[in-house]
C-alpha cells in the first residue's frame, strides 16, 4: 500500500493493489481540481450555450452572442469574463466592439463530443 497517504494508512483495505491502482488512476489532486474547475465552467447552461455559439461562429460580439444565446448583454459579459479569466475564450477588439473566440483546445474537444443538435 505504498500510495496510500499516511493519514489513511490505519484504515482497513480489502484490495491493497486495487487501492493503489485507483490512487494512481486519480493522479495529482491539483490536476483533479483543475479538471473540476473546467467542468464547472461547462456546468452552467448559459456559459455552455455561449461556448457552443462561439465554437460555431468565432469572433461574435457580446450583443450578437446575447441574441444567439437568448441572454441579456450583461449576463453574457459576466459569463465571458469568467471564461476569459479561465483561459477558455479570448477577446479581440474590433473598433469599439469586443469579439470572442474559443482558445482552449481541450474545451473545444469536449464540445465537439456533444451530440448535434442538443435536444
N, C-alpha and C. Protein backbone atom coordinates (compact mmCIF):
# COMPACT_ATOMS: atom_id res chain seq x y z
N UNK A 1 0.83 -1.18 0.00
CA UNK A 1 0.00 0.00 0.00
C UNK A 1 0.88 1.25 0.00
N UNK A 2 1.80 1.29 -0.93
CA UNK A 2 2.77 2.37 -0.97
C UNK A 2 2.19 3.71 -1.41
N UNK A 3 1.03 3.74 -2.04
CA UNK A 3 0.45 5.01 -2.49
C UNK A 3 -0.58 5.58 -1.52
N UNK A 4 -0.93 4.83 -0.50
CA UNK A 4 -1.91 5.30 0.48
C UNK A 4 -1.26 6.37 1.34
N UNK A 5 -1.89 7.56 1.41
CA UNK A 5 -1.32 8.62 2.25
C UNK A 5 -1.24 8.18 3.71
N UNK A 6 -0.26 8.68 4.41
CA UNK A 6 -0.02 8.29 5.80
C UNK A 6 -1.26 8.48 6.66
N UNK A 7 -2.02 9.54 6.42
CA UNK A 7 -3.19 9.80 7.25
C UNK A 7 -4.31 8.78 7.03
N UNK A 8 -4.20 7.94 6.00
CA UNK A 8 -5.21 6.90 5.75
C UNK A 8 -4.63 5.49 5.92
N UNK A 9 -3.39 5.38 6.32
CA UNK A 9 -2.73 4.08 6.43
C UNK A 9 -3.38 3.18 7.47
N UNK A 10 -4.04 3.72 8.45
CA UNK A 10 -4.67 2.94 9.51
C UNK A 10 -6.00 2.31 9.08
N UNK A 11 -6.53 2.72 7.96
CA UNK A 11 -7.85 2.24 7.54
C UNK A 11 -7.77 0.85 6.94
N UNK A 12 -8.85 0.10 7.11
CA UNK A 12 -8.93 -1.28 6.62
C UNK A 12 -9.12 -1.27 5.10
N UNK A 13 -8.33 -2.08 4.41
CA UNK A 13 -8.39 -2.17 2.96
C UNK A 13 -8.60 -3.62 2.57
N UNK A 14 -9.52 -3.88 1.64
CA UNK A 14 -9.78 -5.24 1.19
C UNK A 14 -8.87 -5.63 0.03
N UNK A 15 -8.57 -4.69 -0.85
CA UNK A 15 -7.77 -4.97 -2.05
C UNK A 15 -6.66 -3.93 -2.15
N UNK A 16 -5.51 -4.24 -1.55
CA UNK A 16 -4.40 -3.29 -1.49
C UNK A 16 -3.95 -2.84 -2.88
N UNK A 17 -3.83 -3.80 -3.80
CA UNK A 17 -3.39 -3.45 -5.15
C UNK A 17 -4.43 -2.59 -5.86
N UNK A 18 -5.68 -2.92 -5.66
CA UNK A 18 -6.75 -2.13 -6.26
C UNK A 18 -6.76 -0.70 -5.75
N UNK A 19 -6.54 -0.54 -4.45
CA UNK A 19 -6.49 0.80 -3.86
C UNK A 19 -5.33 1.58 -4.46
N UNK A 20 -4.16 0.98 -4.56
CA UNK A 20 -3.00 1.66 -5.15
C UNK A 20 -3.25 2.00 -6.62
N UNK A 21 -3.86 1.08 -7.36
CA UNK A 21 -4.17 1.36 -8.77
C UNK A 21 -5.19 2.50 -8.89
N UNK A 22 -6.16 2.53 -7.98
CA UNK A 22 -7.16 3.60 -8.00
C UNK A 22 -6.52 4.95 -7.68
N UNK A 23 -5.63 4.98 -6.70
CA UNK A 23 -4.92 6.22 -6.35
C UNK A 23 -4.08 6.68 -7.53
N UNK A 24 -3.39 5.76 -8.18
CA UNK A 24 -2.59 6.11 -9.36
C UNK A 24 -3.49 6.62 -10.48
N UNK A 25 -4.67 6.02 -10.64
CA UNK A 25 -5.61 6.43 -11.68
C UNK A 25 -6.16 7.83 -11.45
N UNK A 26 -6.32 8.20 -10.19
CA UNK A 26 -6.81 9.54 -9.87
C UNK A 26 -5.74 10.57 -10.20
N UNK A 27 -4.51 10.26 -9.90
CA UNK A 27 -3.41 11.17 -10.22
C UNK A 27 -3.27 12.31 -9.25
N UNK A 28 -2.70 13.39 -9.73
CA UNK A 28 -2.39 14.55 -8.93
C UNK A 28 -3.66 15.27 -8.48
N UNK A 29 -3.85 15.47 -7.18
CA UNK A 29 -5.05 16.16 -6.69
C UNK A 29 -5.22 17.56 -7.28
N UNK A 30 -4.13 18.26 -7.54
CA UNK A 30 -4.23 19.60 -8.14
C UNK A 30 -4.79 19.51 -9.55
N UNK A 31 -4.40 18.49 -10.29
CA UNK A 31 -4.94 18.30 -11.64
C UNK A 31 -6.43 17.96 -11.58
N UNK A 32 -6.83 17.19 -10.58
CA UNK A 32 -8.25 16.87 -10.40
C UNK A 32 -9.04 18.15 -10.14
N UNK A 33 -8.50 19.03 -9.28
CA UNK A 33 -9.17 20.31 -9.01
C UNK A 33 -9.27 21.16 -10.29
N UNK A 34 -8.20 21.17 -11.09
CA UNK A 34 -8.23 21.92 -12.35
C UNK A 34 -9.32 21.39 -13.28
N UNK A 35 -9.44 20.07 -13.39
CA UNK A 35 -10.49 19.49 -14.23
C UNK A 35 -11.87 19.80 -13.68
N UNK A 36 -12.03 19.74 -12.36
CA UNK A 36 -13.32 20.06 -11.75
C UNK A 36 -13.70 21.51 -12.06
N UNK A 37 -12.72 22.42 -11.99
CA UNK A 37 -12.98 23.81 -12.33
C UNK A 37 -13.40 23.95 -13.80
N UNK A 38 -12.71 23.24 -14.67
CA UNK A 38 -13.02 23.30 -16.10
C UNK A 38 -14.43 22.76 -16.36
N UNK A 39 -14.76 21.62 -15.73
CA UNK A 39 -16.11 21.09 -15.90
C UNK A 39 -17.15 22.01 -15.27
N UNK A 40 -16.77 22.71 -14.20
CA UNK A 40 -17.66 23.67 -13.57
C UNK A 40 -18.04 24.79 -14.53
N UNK A 41 -17.08 25.21 -15.35
CA UNK A 41 -17.38 26.23 -16.35
C UNK A 41 -18.43 25.74 -17.34
N UNK A 42 -18.35 24.46 -17.67
CA UNK A 42 -19.29 23.88 -18.63
C UNK A 42 -20.63 23.53 -18.00
N UNK A 43 -20.69 23.48 -16.67
CA UNK A 43 -21.90 23.03 -15.99
C UNK A 43 -23.01 24.08 -15.99
N UNK A 44 -22.67 25.33 -16.23
CA UNK A 44 -23.67 26.38 -16.26
C UNK A 44 -24.30 26.44 -17.66
N UNK A 45 -25.62 26.34 -17.76
CA UNK A 45 -26.26 26.33 -19.08
C UNK A 45 -25.95 27.58 -19.91
N UNK A 46 -25.89 28.74 -19.28
CA UNK A 46 -25.60 29.96 -20.02
C UNK A 46 -24.19 29.95 -20.60
N UNK A 47 -23.21 29.58 -19.78
CA UNK A 47 -21.83 29.53 -20.28
C UNK A 47 -21.68 28.46 -21.35
N UNK A 48 -22.32 27.32 -21.14
CA UNK A 48 -22.24 26.26 -22.15
C UNK A 48 -22.85 26.72 -23.47
N UNK A 49 -23.98 27.41 -23.39
CA UNK A 49 -24.61 27.95 -24.60
C UNK A 49 -23.67 28.92 -25.31
N UNK A 50 -23.05 29.81 -24.56
CA UNK A 50 -22.11 30.76 -25.16
C UNK A 50 -20.93 30.05 -25.80
N UNK A 51 -20.40 29.04 -25.12
CA UNK A 51 -19.27 28.31 -25.69
C UNK A 51 -19.64 27.60 -26.98
N UNK A 52 -20.83 27.03 -27.01
CA UNK A 52 -21.29 26.37 -28.24
C UNK A 52 -21.45 27.39 -29.36
N UNK A 53 -21.97 28.57 -29.04
CA UNK A 53 -22.15 29.61 -30.06
C UNK A 53 -20.80 30.11 -30.56
N UNK A 54 -19.87 30.36 -29.64
CA UNK A 54 -18.55 30.85 -30.04
C UNK A 54 -17.79 29.79 -30.83
N UNK A 55 -18.00 28.54 -30.47
CA UNK A 55 -17.36 27.46 -31.23
C UNK A 55 -17.91 27.40 -32.65
N UNK A 56 -19.22 27.59 -32.77
CA UNK A 56 -19.86 27.52 -34.09
C UNK A 56 -19.49 28.71 -34.96
N UNK A 57 -19.42 29.89 -34.36
CA UNK A 57 -19.13 31.12 -35.12
C UNK A 57 -18.15 31.96 -34.31
N UNK A 58 -16.86 31.79 -34.55
CA UNK A 58 -15.86 32.59 -33.82
C UNK A 58 -16.00 34.08 -34.14
N UNK A 59 -15.55 34.89 -33.20
CA UNK A 59 -15.49 36.35 -33.35
C UNK A 59 -16.84 37.03 -33.35
N UNK A 60 -17.80 36.47 -32.61
CA UNK A 60 -19.08 37.15 -32.43
C UNK A 60 -18.95 38.20 -31.33
N UNK A 61 -19.73 39.25 -31.43
CA UNK A 61 -19.73 40.29 -30.41
C UNK A 61 -20.62 39.88 -29.25
N UNK A 62 -20.51 40.62 -28.14
CA UNK A 62 -21.34 40.35 -26.97
C UNK A 62 -22.82 40.44 -27.32
N UNK A 63 -23.21 41.48 -28.03
CA UNK A 63 -24.63 41.65 -28.35
C UNK A 63 -25.13 40.54 -29.27
N UNK A 64 -24.30 40.13 -30.22
CA UNK A 64 -24.71 39.01 -31.10
C UNK A 64 -24.79 37.71 -30.32
N UNK A 65 -23.85 37.50 -29.42
CA UNK A 65 -23.90 36.30 -28.58
C UNK A 65 -25.13 36.31 -27.68
N UNK A 66 -25.48 37.49 -27.17
CA UNK A 66 -26.66 37.60 -26.32
C UNK A 66 -27.92 37.18 -27.07
N UNK A 67 -28.05 37.63 -28.31
CA UNK A 67 -29.21 37.25 -29.12
C UNK A 67 -29.18 35.75 -29.40
N UNK A 68 -28.01 35.23 -29.80
CA UNK A 68 -27.90 33.81 -30.14
C UNK A 68 -28.18 32.92 -28.94
N UNK A 69 -27.77 33.36 -27.74
CA UNK A 69 -27.92 32.54 -26.54
C UNK A 69 -29.23 32.80 -25.81
N UNK A 70 -29.98 33.84 -26.25
CA UNK A 70 -31.22 34.17 -25.55
C UNK A 70 -30.97 34.73 -24.16
N UNK A 71 -29.88 35.49 -24.03
CA UNK A 71 -29.49 36.07 -22.74
C UNK A 71 -29.40 37.59 -22.90
N UNK A 72 -29.34 38.30 -21.76
CA UNK A 72 -29.13 39.74 -21.87
C UNK A 72 -27.63 40.03 -21.95
N UNK A 73 -27.30 41.21 -22.45
CA UNK A 73 -25.90 41.59 -22.68
C UNK A 73 -25.07 41.52 -21.39
N UNK A 74 -25.65 41.95 -20.28
CA UNK A 74 -24.91 41.96 -19.01
C UNK A 74 -24.55 40.55 -18.59
N UNK A 75 -25.49 39.63 -18.68
CA UNK A 75 -25.21 38.24 -18.30
C UNK A 75 -24.15 37.63 -19.22
N UNK A 76 -24.22 37.95 -20.50
CA UNK A 76 -23.23 37.45 -21.45
C UNK A 76 -21.85 38.01 -21.11
N UNK A 77 -21.78 39.30 -20.82
CA UNK A 77 -20.49 39.91 -20.47
C UNK A 77 -19.89 39.28 -19.23
N UNK A 78 -20.73 39.04 -18.22
CA UNK A 78 -20.23 38.42 -16.99
C UNK A 78 -19.74 36.99 -17.24
N UNK A 79 -20.50 36.24 -18.03
CA UNK A 79 -20.09 34.86 -18.33
C UNK A 79 -18.80 34.85 -19.14
N UNK A 80 -18.70 35.73 -20.11
CA UNK A 80 -17.48 35.79 -20.94
C UNK A 80 -16.27 36.22 -20.11
N UNK A 81 -16.49 37.08 -19.12
CA UNK A 81 -15.39 37.48 -18.24
C UNK A 81 -14.85 36.26 -17.51
N UNK A 82 -15.74 35.44 -16.97
CA UNK A 82 -15.30 34.21 -16.28
C UNK A 82 -14.56 33.28 -17.24
N UNK A 83 -15.10 33.12 -18.42
CA UNK A 83 -14.47 32.24 -19.41
C UNK A 83 -13.13 32.79 -19.88
N UNK A 84 -13.03 34.10 -19.97
CA UNK A 84 -11.77 34.73 -20.38
C UNK A 84 -10.71 34.58 -19.29
N UNK A 85 -11.08 34.81 -18.04
CA UNK A 85 -10.15 34.67 -16.91
C UNK A 85 -9.66 33.22 -16.82
N UNK A 86 -10.53 32.27 -17.12
CA UNK A 86 -10.17 30.85 -17.07
C UNK A 86 -9.33 30.43 -18.28
N UNK A 87 -9.20 31.30 -19.26
CA UNK A 87 -8.40 30.98 -20.44
C UNK A 87 -9.13 30.15 -21.48
N UNK A 88 -10.45 30.13 -21.41
CA UNK A 88 -11.23 29.33 -22.34
C UNK A 88 -11.55 30.11 -23.61
N UNK A 89 -11.83 31.39 -23.46
CA UNK A 89 -12.08 32.26 -24.61
C UNK A 89 -11.10 33.42 -24.58
N UNK A 90 -10.94 34.04 -25.72
CA UNK A 90 -10.12 35.25 -25.83
C UNK A 90 -10.93 36.31 -26.54
N UNK A 91 -10.63 37.56 -26.20
CA UNK A 91 -11.34 38.68 -26.80
C UNK A 91 -10.40 39.42 -27.75
N UNK A 92 -11.01 39.97 -28.78
CA UNK A 92 -10.28 40.79 -29.75
C UNK A 92 -11.09 42.04 -29.97
N UNK A 93 -10.42 43.17 -29.86
CA UNK A 93 -11.12 44.45 -30.06
C UNK A 93 -11.17 44.77 -31.54
N UNK A 94 -12.38 45.06 -32.01
CA UNK A 94 -12.63 45.43 -33.41
C UNK A 94 -13.31 46.79 -33.38
N UNK A 95 -12.50 47.87 -33.39
CA UNK A 95 -13.06 49.20 -33.19
C UNK A 95 -13.52 49.32 -31.75
N UNK A 96 -14.81 49.56 -31.56
CA UNK A 96 -15.37 49.64 -30.20
C UNK A 96 -16.03 48.33 -29.78
N UNK A 97 -15.96 47.32 -30.62
CA UNK A 97 -16.65 46.05 -30.37
C UNK A 97 -15.63 44.99 -29.95
N UNK A 98 -15.98 44.25 -28.89
CA UNK A 98 -15.16 43.11 -28.48
C UNK A 98 -15.73 41.85 -29.13
N UNK A 99 -14.86 41.06 -29.72
CA UNK A 99 -15.26 39.82 -30.37
C UNK A 99 -14.57 38.66 -29.66
N UNK A 100 -15.29 37.56 -29.51
CA UNK A 100 -14.80 36.44 -28.70
C UNK A 100 -14.61 35.19 -29.54
N UNK A 101 -13.59 34.43 -29.16
CA UNK A 101 -13.33 33.13 -29.82
C UNK A 101 -12.87 32.13 -28.77
N UNK A 102 -13.10 30.88 -29.06
CA UNK A 102 -12.69 29.78 -28.19
C UNK A 102 -11.20 29.52 -28.39
N UNK A 103 -10.44 29.47 -27.29
CA UNK A 103 -8.99 29.26 -27.40
C UNK A 103 -8.50 28.04 -26.64
N UNK A 104 -9.35 27.43 -25.85
CA UNK A 104 -8.96 26.24 -25.08
C UNK A 104 -9.28 25.00 -25.91
N UNK A 105 -8.23 24.36 -26.42
CA UNK A 105 -8.42 23.20 -27.29
C UNK A 105 -9.09 22.03 -26.58
N UNK A 106 -8.82 21.88 -25.29
CA UNK A 106 -9.45 20.78 -24.54
C UNK A 106 -10.95 20.99 -24.43
N UNK A 107 -11.36 22.21 -24.13
CA UNK A 107 -12.79 22.52 -24.06
C UNK A 107 -13.41 22.37 -25.44
N UNK A 108 -12.71 22.81 -26.47
CA UNK A 108 -13.22 22.65 -27.84
C UNK A 108 -13.44 21.18 -28.15
N UNK A 109 -12.49 20.33 -27.76
CA UNK A 109 -12.64 18.88 -27.98
C UNK A 109 -13.83 18.32 -27.21
N UNK A 110 -14.03 18.78 -25.97
CA UNK A 110 -15.18 18.32 -25.18
C UNK A 110 -16.49 18.74 -25.85
N UNK A 111 -16.55 19.98 -26.33
CA UNK A 111 -17.77 20.46 -27.00
C UNK A 111 -18.03 19.69 -28.28
N UNK A 112 -16.97 19.29 -28.94
CA UNK A 112 -17.10 18.52 -30.19
C UNK A 112 -17.77 17.17 -29.93
N UNK A 113 -17.63 16.64 -28.72
CA UNK A 113 -18.20 15.34 -28.36
C UNK A 113 -19.71 15.41 -28.13
N UNK A 114 -20.26 16.62 -27.94
CA UNK A 114 -21.69 16.74 -27.69
C UNK A 114 -22.47 16.39 -28.94
N UNK A 115 -23.60 15.70 -28.79
CA UNK A 115 -24.43 15.37 -29.95
C UNK A 115 -25.03 16.63 -30.54
N UNK A 116 -25.21 16.64 -31.82
CA UNK A 116 -25.82 17.78 -32.54
C UNK A 116 -27.16 17.37 -33.09
N UNK A 117 -28.16 18.17 -33.04
CA UNK A 117 -28.31 19.29 -32.13
C UNK A 117 -28.63 18.80 -30.73
N UNK A 118 -28.34 19.62 -29.75
CA UNK A 118 -28.66 19.27 -28.37
C UNK A 118 -30.17 19.42 -28.17
N UNK A 119 -30.83 18.32 -27.94
CA UNK A 119 -32.28 18.36 -27.65
C UNK A 119 -32.61 17.31 -26.64
